[in-house]
Amino acid sequence: MDNKENLLLYLDKVHSTEMGMDRIKRNLNLDTDDVVEWCKNKIQDVNCTVSKKGKNYYVTIDDFIITVNAHSYTIITAHKNKHK
């Protein structure tokens, strides 16, 4: 099973902390109250790629990178991809 399939399999466990949601909204200039749902939608997008380095998944979609802990499925942060 590849990284994306594994993350999608546990999508219902994906969550974030209050601080994490604030950080993601600020980093991406999001105008949404449901940051977790926004991230889940990005993870489900057919155009996203998921890689795993160490303890984290890195979801790359559009010009964003979303970091998800691979054990707790906590969305840690998200930021704009500086390499685009």
PDB file of N, CA and C in Angstrom:
ATOM      1  N   MET A   1       0.846  -1.173   0.000  1.00  0.00           N
ATOM      2  CA  MET A   1       0.000   0.000   0.000  1.00  0.00           C
ATOM      3  C   MET A   1       0.901   1.250   0.000  1.00  0.00           C
ATOM      4  N   ASP A   2       0.584   2.195  -0.878  1.00  0.00           N
ATOM      5  CA  ASP A   2       1.429   3.389  -0.916  1.00  0.00           C
ATOM      6  C   ASP A   2       0.985   4.403   0.140  1.00  0.00           C
ATOM      7  N   ASN A   3       1.745   5.466   0.282  1.00  0.00           N
ATOM      8  CA  ASN A   3       1.494   6.459   1.329  1.00  0.00           C
ATOM      9  C   ASN A   3       0.128   7.114   1.209  1.00  0.00           C
ATOM     10  N   LYS A   4      -0.272   7.461  -0.014  1.00  0.00           N
ATOM     11  CA  LYS A   4      -1.564   8.119  -0.203  1.00  0.00           C
ATOM     12  C   LYS A   4      -2.705   7.169   0.176  1.00  0.00           C
ATOM     13  N   GLU A   5      -2.618   5.924  -0.280  1.00  0.00           N
ATOM     14  CA  GLU A   5      -3.658   4.943   0.061  1.00  0.00           C
ATOM     15  C   GLU A   5      -3.771   4.769   1.571  1.00  0.00           C
ATOM     16  N   ASN A   6      -2.640   4.706   2.237  1.00  0.00           N
ATOM     17  CA  ASN A   6      -2.639   4.534   3.687  1.00  0.00           C
ATOM     18  C   ASN A   6      -3.274   5.730   4.393  1.00  0.00           C
ATOM     19  N   LEU A   7      -2.909   6.934   3.967  1.00  0.00           N
ATOM     20  CA  LEU A   7      -3.477   8.131   4.573  1.00  0.00           C
ATOM     21  C   LEU A   7      -4.984   8.209   4.312  1.00  0.00           C
ATOM     22  N   LEU A   8      -5.403   7.859   3.114  1.00  0.00           N
ATOM     23  CA  LEU A   8      -6.842   7.877   2.794  1.00  0.00           C
ATOM     24  C   LEU A   8      -7.608   6.839   3.615  1.00  0.00           C
ATOM     25  N   LEU A   9      -6.962   5.721   3.880  1.00  0.00           N
ATOM     26  CA  LEU A   9      -7.592   4.664   4.669  1.00  0.00           C
ATOM     27  C   LEU A   9      -7.932   5.161   6.081  1.00  0.00           C
ATOM     28  N   TYR A  10      -7.108   6.032   6.617  1.00  0.00           N
ATOM     29  CA  TYR A  10      -7.304   6.554   7.974  1.00  0.00           C
ATOM     30  C   TYR A  10      -7.742   8.015   7.982  1.00  0.00           C
ATOM     31  N   LEU A  11      -8.358   8.464   6.899  1.00  0.00           N
ATOM     32  CA  LEU A  11      -8.767   9.862   6.782  1.00  0.00           C
ATOM     33  C   LEU A  11      -9.709  10.289   7.902  1.00  0.00           C
ATOM     34  N   ASP A  12     -10.528   9.368   8.395  1.00  0.00           N
ATOM     35  CA  ASP A  12     -11.460   9.695   9.484  1.00  0.00           C
ATOM     36  C   ASP A  12     -10.734  10.022  10.788  1.00  0.00           C
ATOM     37  N   LYS A  13      -9.464   9.621  10.901  1.00  0.00           N
ATOM     38  CA  LYS A  13      -8.689   9.907  12.114  1.00  0.00           C
ATOM     39  C   LYS A  13      -7.921  11.228  12.021  1.00  0.00           C
ATOM     40  N   VAL A  14      -7.879  11.815  10.830  1.00  0.00           N
ATOM     41  CA  VAL A  14      -7.133  13.058  10.636  1.00  0.00           C
ATOM     42  C   VAL A  14      -7.804  14.181  11.419  1.00  0.00           C
ATOM     43  N   HIS A  15      -6.997  14.889  12.201  1.00  0.00           N
ATOM     44  CA  HIS A  15      -7.503  15.970  13.051  1.00  0.00           C
ATOM     45  C   HIS A  15      -6.378  16.979  13.276  1.00  0.00           C
ATOM     46  N   SER A  16      -6.659  18.024  14.018  1.00  0.00           N
ATOM     47  CA  SER A  16      -5.624  18.992  14.360  1.00  0.00           C
ATOM     48  C   SER A  16      -5.924  19.573  15.732  1.00  0.00           C
ATOM     49  N   THR A  17      -4.960  20.282  16.253  1.00  0.00           N
ATOM     50  CA  THR A  17      -5.152  20.981  17.522  1.00  0.00           C
ATOM     51  C   THR A  17      -5.632  22.407  17.224  1.00  0.00           C
ATOM     52  N   GLU A  18      -6.071  23.083  18.252  1.00  0.00           N
ATOM     53  CA  GLU A  18      -6.500  24.477  18.086  1.00  0.00           C
ATOM     54  C   GLU A  18      -5.339  25.334  17.573  1.00  0.00           C
ATOM     55  N   MET A  19      -4.164  25.145  18.160  1.00  0.00           N
ATOM     56  CA  MET A  19      -2.983  25.889  17.710  1.00  0.00           C
ATOM     57  C   MET A  19      -2.619  25.541  16.267  1.00  0.00           C
ATOM     58  N   GLY A  20      -2.736  24.263  15.932  1.00  0.00           N
ATOM     59  CA  GLY A  20      -2.437  23.819  14.571  1.00  0.00           C
ATOM     60  C   GLY A  20      -3.375  24.457  13.556  1.00  0.00           C
ATOM     61  N   MET A  21      -4.658  24.506  13.884  1.00  0.00           N
ATOM     62  CA  MET A  21      -5.638  25.098  12.970  1.00  0.00           C
ATOM     63  C   MET A  21      -5.376  26.590  12.777  1.00  0.00           C
ATOM     64  N   ASP A  22      -5.037  27.272  13.856  1.00  0.00           N
ATOM     65  CA  ASP A  22      -4.715  28.699  13.752  1.00  0.00           C
ATOM     66  C   ASP A  22      -3.484  28.916  12.864  1.00  0.00           C
ATOM     67  N   ARG A  23      -2.471  28.069  13.049  1.00  0.00           N
ATOM     68  CA  ARG A  23      -1.233  28.177  12.278  1.00  0.00           C
ATOM     69  C   ARG A  23      -1.505  27.945  10.781  1.00  0.00           C
ATOM     70  N   ILE A  24      -2.312  26.936  10.478  1.00  0.00           N
ATOM     71  CA  ILE A  24      -2.626  26.616   9.079  1.00  0.00           C
ATOM     72  C   ILE A  24      -3.407  27.759   8.434  1.00  0.00           C
ATOM     73  N   LYS A  25      -4.413  28.281   9.154  1.00  0.00           N
ATOM     74  CA  LYS A  25      -5.194  29.400   8.618  1.00  0.00           C
ATOM     75  C   LYS A  25      -4.294  30.598   8.324  1.00  0.00           C
ATOM     76  N   ARG A  26      -3.380  30.877   9.220  1.00  0.00           N
ATOM     77  CA  ARG A  26      -2.473  32.013   9.066  1.00  0.00           C
ATOM     78  C   ARG A  26      -1.486  31.772   7.912  1.00  0.00           C
ATOM     79  N   ASN A  27      -0.876  30.588   7.876  1.00  0.00           N
ATOM     80  CA  ASN A  27       0.125  30.285   6.853  1.00  0.00           C
ATOM     81  C   ASN A  27      -0.443  30.290   5.434  1.00  0.00           C
ATOM     82  N   LEU A  28      -1.699  29.831   5.297  1.00  0.00           N
ATOM     83  CA  LEU A  28      -2.291  29.705   3.968  1.00  0.00           C
ATOM     84  C   LEU A  28      -3.310  30.801   3.659  1.00  0.00           C
ATOM     85  N   ASN A  29      -3.483  31.722   4.594  1.00  0.00           N
ATOM     86  CA  ASN A  29      -4.478  32.796   4.429  1.00  0.00           C
ATOM     87  C   ASN A  29      -5.856  32.230   4.106  1.00  0.00           C
ATOM     88  N   LEU A  30      -6.266  31.205   4.852  1.00  0.00           N
ATOM     89  CA  LEU A  30      -7.560  30.558   4.604  1.00  0.00           C
ATOM     90  C   LEU A  30      -8.702  31.344   5.234  1.00  0.00           C
ATOM     91  N   ASP A  31      -9.815  31.356   4.535  1.00  0.00           N
ATOM     92  CA  ASP A  31     -11.020  31.992   5.042  1.00  0.00           C
ATOM     93  C   ASP A  31     -12.075  30.908   5.252  1.00  0.00           C
ATOM     94  N   THR A  32     -11.774  29.977   6.159  1.00  0.00           N
ATOM     95  CA  THR A  32     -12.699  28.892   6.471  1.00  0.00           C
ATOM     96  C   THR A  32     -12.638  28.609   7.964  1.00  0.00           C
ATOM     97  N   ASP A  33     -13.743  28.184   8.512  1.00  0.00           N
ATOM     98  CA  ASP A  33     -13.772  27.819   9.930  1.00  0.00           C
ATOM     99  C   ASP A  33     -13.417  26.356  10.138  1.00  0.00           C
ATOM    100  N   ASP A  34     -13.499  25.537   9.079  1.00  0.00           N
ATOM    101  CA  ASP A  34     -13.224  24.116   9.205  1.00  0.00           C
ATOM    102  C   ASP A  34     -11.941  23.757   8.462  1.00  0.00           C
ATOM    103  N   VAL A  35     -10.831  24.062   9.104  1.00  0.00           N
ATOM    104  CA  VAL A  35      -9.514  23.840   8.517  1.00  0.00           C
ATOM    105  C   VAL A  35      -9.265  22.353   8.274  1.00  0.00           C
ATOM    106  N   VAL A  36      -9.696  21.507   9.202  1.00  0.00           N
ATOM    107  CA  VAL A  36      -9.477  20.061   9.075  1.00  0.00           C
ATOM    108  C   VAL A  36     -10.201  19.535   7.838  1.00  0.00           C
ATOM    109  N   GLU A  37     -11.434  19.947   7.643  1.00  0.00           N
ATOM    110  CA  GLU A  37     -12.203  19.501   6.472  1.00  0.00           C
ATOM    111  C   GLU A  37     -11.545  20.003   5.188  1.00  0.00           C
ATOM    112  N   TRP A  38     -11.043  21.234   5.199  1.00  0.00           N
ATOM    113  CA  TRP A  38     -10.348  21.786   4.044  1.00  0.00           C
ATOM    114  C   TRP A  38      -9.134  20.916   3.701  1.00  0.00           C
ATOM    115  N   CYS A  39      -8.364  20.548   4.732  1.00  0.00           N
ATOM    116  CA  CYS A  39      -7.192  19.703   4.525  1.00  0.00           C
ATOM    117  C   CYS A  39      -7.582  18.314   4.031  1.00  0.00           C
ATOM    118  N   LYS A  40      -8.623  17.739   4.603  1.00  0.00           N
ATOM    119  CA  LYS A  40      -9.086  16.416   4.164  1.00  0.00           C
ATOM    120  C   LYS A  40      -9.490  16.441   2.694  1.00  0.00           C
ATOM    121  N   ASN A  41     -10.149  17.509   2.275  1.00  0.00           N
ATOM    122  CA  ASN A  41     -10.533  17.625   0.867  1.00  0.00           C
ATOM    123  C   ASN A  41      -9.306  17.679  -0.032  1.00  0.00           C
ATOM    124  N   LYS A  42      -8.264  18.372   0.418  1.00  0.00           N
ATOM    125  CA  LYS A  42      -7.022  18.432  -0.356  1.00  0.00           C
ATOM    126  C   LYS A  42      -6.358  17.058  -0.428  1.00  0.00           C
ATOM    127  N   ILE A  43      -6.392  16.318   0.681  1.00  0.00           N
ATOM    128  CA  ILE A  43      -5.796  14.976   0.720  1.00  0.00           C
ATOM    129  C   ILE A  43      -6.517  14.039  -0.244  1.00  0.00           C
ATOM    130  N   GLN A  44      -7.825  14.212  -0.392  1.00  0.00           N
ATOM    131  CA  GLN A  44      -8.621  13.356  -1.274  1.00  0.00           C
ATOM    132  C   GLN A  44      -8.511  13.739  -2.749  1.00  0.00           C
ATOM    133  N   ASP A  45      -7.980  14.906  -3.038  1.00  0.00           N
ATOM    134  CA  ASP A  45      -7.865  15.372  -4.419  1.00  0.00           C
ATOM    135  C   ASP A  45      -6.992  14.414  -5.223  1.00  0.00           C
ATOM    136  N   VAL A  46      -7.420  14.080  -6.429  1.00  0.00           N
ATOM    137  CA  VAL A  46      -6.668  13.132  -7.262  1.00  0.00           C
ATOM    138  C   VAL A  46      -5.293  13.675  -7.646  1.00  0.00           C
ATOM    139  N   ASN A  47      -5.122  14.980  -7.613  1.00  0.00           N
ATOM    140  CA  ASN A  47      -3.855  15.583  -8.021  1.00  0.00           C
ATOM    141  C   ASN A  47      -2.829  15.700  -6.893  1.00  0.00           C
ATOM    142  N   CYS A  48      -3.196  15.309  -5.678  1.00  0.00           N
ATOM    143  CA  CYS A  48      -2.248  15.434  -4.570  1.00  0.00           C
ATOM    144  C   CYS A  48      -1.279  14.254  -4.574  1.00  0.00           C
ATOM    145  N   THR A  49      -0.090  14.522  -4.067  1.00  0.00           N
ATOM    146  CA  THR A  49       0.885  13.456  -3.872  1.00  0.00           C
ATOM    147  C   THR A  49       1.218  13.395  -2.388  1.00  0.00           C
ATOM    148  N   VAL A  50       1.483  12.196  -1.908  1.00  0.00           N
ATOM    149  CA  VAL A  50       1.792  11.999  -0.496  1.00  0.00           C
ATOM    150  C   VAL A  50       3.127  11.268  -0.384  1.00  0.00           C
ATOM    151  N   SER A  51       4.041  11.875   0.354  1.00  0.00           N
ATOM    152  CA  SER A  51       5.312  11.217   0.630  1.00  0.00           C
ATOM    153  C   SER A  51       5.453  11.092   2.135  1.00  0.00           C
ATOM    154  N   LYS A  52       6.316  10.195   2.557  1.00  0.00           N
ATOM    155  CA  LYS A  52       6.540  10.008   3.989  1.00  0.00           C
ATOM    156  C   LYS A  52       8.025  10.131   4.261  1.00  0.00           C
ATOM    157  N   LYS A  53       8.330  11.010   5.209  1.00  0.00           N
ATOM    158  CA  LYS A  53       9.720  11.169   5.652  1.00  0.00           C
ATOM    159  C   LYS A  53       9.698  11.071   7.160  1.00  0.00           C
ATOM    160  N   GLY A  54      10.379  10.078   7.694  1.00  0.00           N
ATOM    161  CA  GLY A  54      10.404   9.906   9.144  1.00  0.00           C
ATOM    162  C   GLY A  54       9.012   9.651   9.681  1.00  0.00           C
ATOM    163  N   LYS A  55       8.576  10.479  10.621  1.00  0.00           N
ATOM    164  CA  LYS A  55       7.291  10.265  11.284  1.00  0.00           C
ATOM    165  C   LYS A  55       6.144  11.044  10.653  1.00  0.00           C
ATOM    166  N   ASN A  56       6.389  11.723   9.536  1.00  0.00           N
ATOM    167  CA  ASN A  56       5.358  12.566   8.944  1.00  0.00           C
ATOM    168  C   ASN A  56       5.036  12.227   7.496  1.00  0.00           C
ATOM    169  N   TYR A  57       3.767  12.465   7.149  1.00  0.00           N
ATOM    170  CA  TYR A  57       3.339  12.463   5.758  1.00  0.00           C
ATOM    171  C   TYR A  57       3.401  13.901   5.273  1.00  0.00           C
ATOM    172  N   TYR A  58       3.787  14.074   4.023  1.00  0.00           N
ATOM    173  CA  TYR A  58       3.806  15.394   3.395  1.00  0.00           C
ATOM    174  C   TYR A  58       2.885  15.339   2.188  1.00  0.00           C
ATOM    175  N   VAL A  59       1.785  16.064   2.280  1.00  0.00           N
ATOM    176  CA  VAL A  59       0.778  16.095   1.224  1.00  0.00           C
ATOM    177  C   VAL A  59       1.045  17.340   0.385  1.00  0.00           C
ATOM    178  N   THR A  60       1.336  17.134  -0.890  1.00  0.00           N
ATOM    179  CA  THR A  60       1.600  18.251  -1.794  1.00  0.00           C
ATOM    180  C   THR A  60       0.438  18.366  -2.772  1.00  0.00           C
ATOM    181  N   ILE A  61      -0.179  19.548  -2.787  1.00  0.00           N
ATOM    182  CA  ILE A  61      -1.330  19.801  -3.665  1.00  0.00           C
ATOM    183  C   ILE A  61      -1.364  21.283  -3.986  1.00  0.00           C
ATOM    184  N   ASP A  62      -1.676  21.602  -5.233  1.00  0.00           N
ATOM    185  CA  ASP A  62      -1.656  22.991  -5.697  1.00  0.00           C
ATOM    186  C   ASP A  62      -0.292  23.565  -5.331  1.00  0.00           C
ATOM    187  N   ASP A  63      -0.246  24.639  -4.574  1.00  0.00           N
ATOM    188  CA  ASP A  63       1.057  25.158  -4.149  1.00  0.00           C
ATOM    189  C   ASP A  63       1.201  25.097  -2.631  1.00  0.00           C
ATOM    190  N   PHE A  64       0.598  24.037  -2.037  1.00  0.00           N
ATOM    191  CA  PHE A  64       0.629  23.846  -0.585  1.00  0.00           C
ATOM    192  C   PHE A  64       1.305  22.536  -0.217  1.00  0.00           C
ATOM    193  N   ILE A  65       1.873  22.509   0.975  1.00  0.00           N
ATOM    194  CA  ILE A  65       2.357  21.265   1.580  1.00  0.00           C
ATOM    195  C   ILE A  65       1.714  21.163   2.961  1.00  0.00           C
ATOM    196  N   ILE A  66       0.996  20.075   3.186  1.00  0.00           N
ATOM    197  CA  ILE A  66       0.325  19.816   4.458  1.00  0.00           C
ATOM    198  C   ILE A  66       1.107  18.712   5.159  1.00  0.00           C
ATOM    199  N   THR A  67       1.486  18.949   6.413  1.00  0.00           N
ATOM    200  CA  THR A  67       2.263  17.978   7.185  1.00  0.00           C
ATOM    201  C   THR A  67       1.352  17.276   8.181  1.00  0.00           C
ATOM    202  N   VAL A  68       1.304  15.929   8.088  1.00  0.00           N
ATOM    203  CA  VAL A  68       0.446  15.117   8.955  1.00  0.00           C
ATOM    204  C   VAL A  68       1.310  14.093   9.669  1.00  0.00           C
ATOM    205  N   ASN A  69       1.184  14.004  10.997  1.00  0.00           N
ATOM    206  CA  ASN A  69       1.911  12.991  11.755  1.00  0.00           C
ATOM    207  C   ASN A  69       1.394  11.609  11.355  1.00  0.00           C
ATOM    208  N   ALA A  70       2.298  10.699  11.024  1.00  0.00           N
ATOM    209  CA  ALA A  70       1.923   9.385  10.501  1.00  0.00           C
ATOM    210  C   ALA A  70       1.376   8.435  11.563  1.00  0.00           C
ATOM    211  N   HIS A  71       1.590   8.745  12.834  1.00  0.00           N
ATOM    212  CA  HIS A  71       1.111   7.850  13.894  1.00  0.00           C
ATOM    213  C   HIS A  71      -0.193   8.331  14.511  1.00  0.00           C
ATOM    214  N   SER A  72      -0.293   9.631  14.754  1.00  0.00           N
ATOM    215  CA  SER A  72      -1.492  10.169  15.405  1.00  0.00           C
ATOM    216  C   SER A  72      -2.483  10.766  14.411  1.00  0.00           C
ATOM    217  N   TYR A  73      -2.055  10.939  13.158  1.00  0.00           N
ATOM    218  CA  TYR A  73      -2.868  11.562  12.102  1.00  0.00           C
ATOM    219  C   TYR A  73      -3.266  12.993  12.456  1.00  0.00           C
ATOM    220  N   THR A  74      -2.400  13.668  13.194  1.00  0.00           N
ATOM    221  CA  THR A  74      -2.599  15.074  13.530  1.00  0.00           C
ATOM    222  C   THR A  74      -2.003  15.932  12.425  1.00  0.00           C
ATOM    223  N   ILE A  75      -2.801  16.877  11.914  1.00  0.00           N
ATOM    224  CA  ILE A  75      -2.271  17.834  10.953  1.00  0.00           C
ATOM    225  C   ILE A  75      -1.435  18.818  11.764  1.00  0.00           C
ATOM    226  N   ILE A  76      -0.150  18.811  11.525  1.00  0.00           N
ATOM    227  CA  ILE A  76       0.770  19.628  12.309  1.00  0.00           C
ATOM    228  C   ILE A  76       0.815  21.053  11.776  1.00  0.00           C
ATOM    229  N   THR A  77       0.992  21.167  10.477  1.00  0.00           N
ATOM    230  CA  THR A  77       1.086  22.491   9.867  1.00  0.00           C
ATOM    231  C   THR A  77       0.822  22.363   8.378  1.00  0.00           C
ATOM    232  N   ALA A  78       0.744  23.496   7.734  1.00  0.00           N
ATOM    233  CA  ALA A  78       0.656  23.568   6.271  1.00  0.00           C
ATOM    234  C   ALA A  78       1.287  24.884   5.863  1.00  0.00           C
ATOM    235  N   HIS A  79       1.904  24.876   4.727  1.00  0.00           N
ATOM    236  CA  HIS A  79       2.524  26.106   4.244  1.00  0.00           C
ATOM    237  C   HIS A  79       2.547  26.111   2.726  1.00  0.00           C
ATOM    238  N   LYS A  80       2.823  27.274   2.175  1.00  0.00           N
ATOM    239  CA  LYS A  80       2.935  27.385   0.729  1.00  0.00           C
ATOM    240  C   LYS A  80       4.258  26.787   0.302  1.00  0.00           C
ATOM    241  N   ASN A  81       4.231  26.071  -0.807  1.00  0.00           N
ATOM    242  CA  ASN A  81       5.424  25.419  -1.337  1.00  0.00           C
ATOM    243  C   ASN A  81       6.346  26.488  -1.922  1.00  0.00           C
ATOM    244  N   LYS A  82       7.493  26.655  -1.329  1.00  0.00           N
ATOM    245  CA  LYS A  82       8.440  27.682  -1.762  1.00  0.00           C
ATOM    246  C   LYS A  82       9.169  27.300  -3.043  1.00  0.00           C
ATOM    247  N   HIS A  83       9.064  26.023  -3.428  1.00  0.00           N
ATOM    248  CA  HIS A  83       9.773  25.543  -4.617  1.00  0.00           C
ATOM    249  C   HIS A  83       8.942  25.650  -5.873  1.00  0.00           C
ATOM    250  N   LYS A  84       7.778  26.251  -5.796  1.00  0.00           N
ATOM    251  CA  LYS A  84       6.922  26.391  -6.982  1.00  0.00           C
ATOM    252  C   LYS A  84       7.088  27.734  -7.590  1.00  0.00           C
TER     253      LYS A  84
END
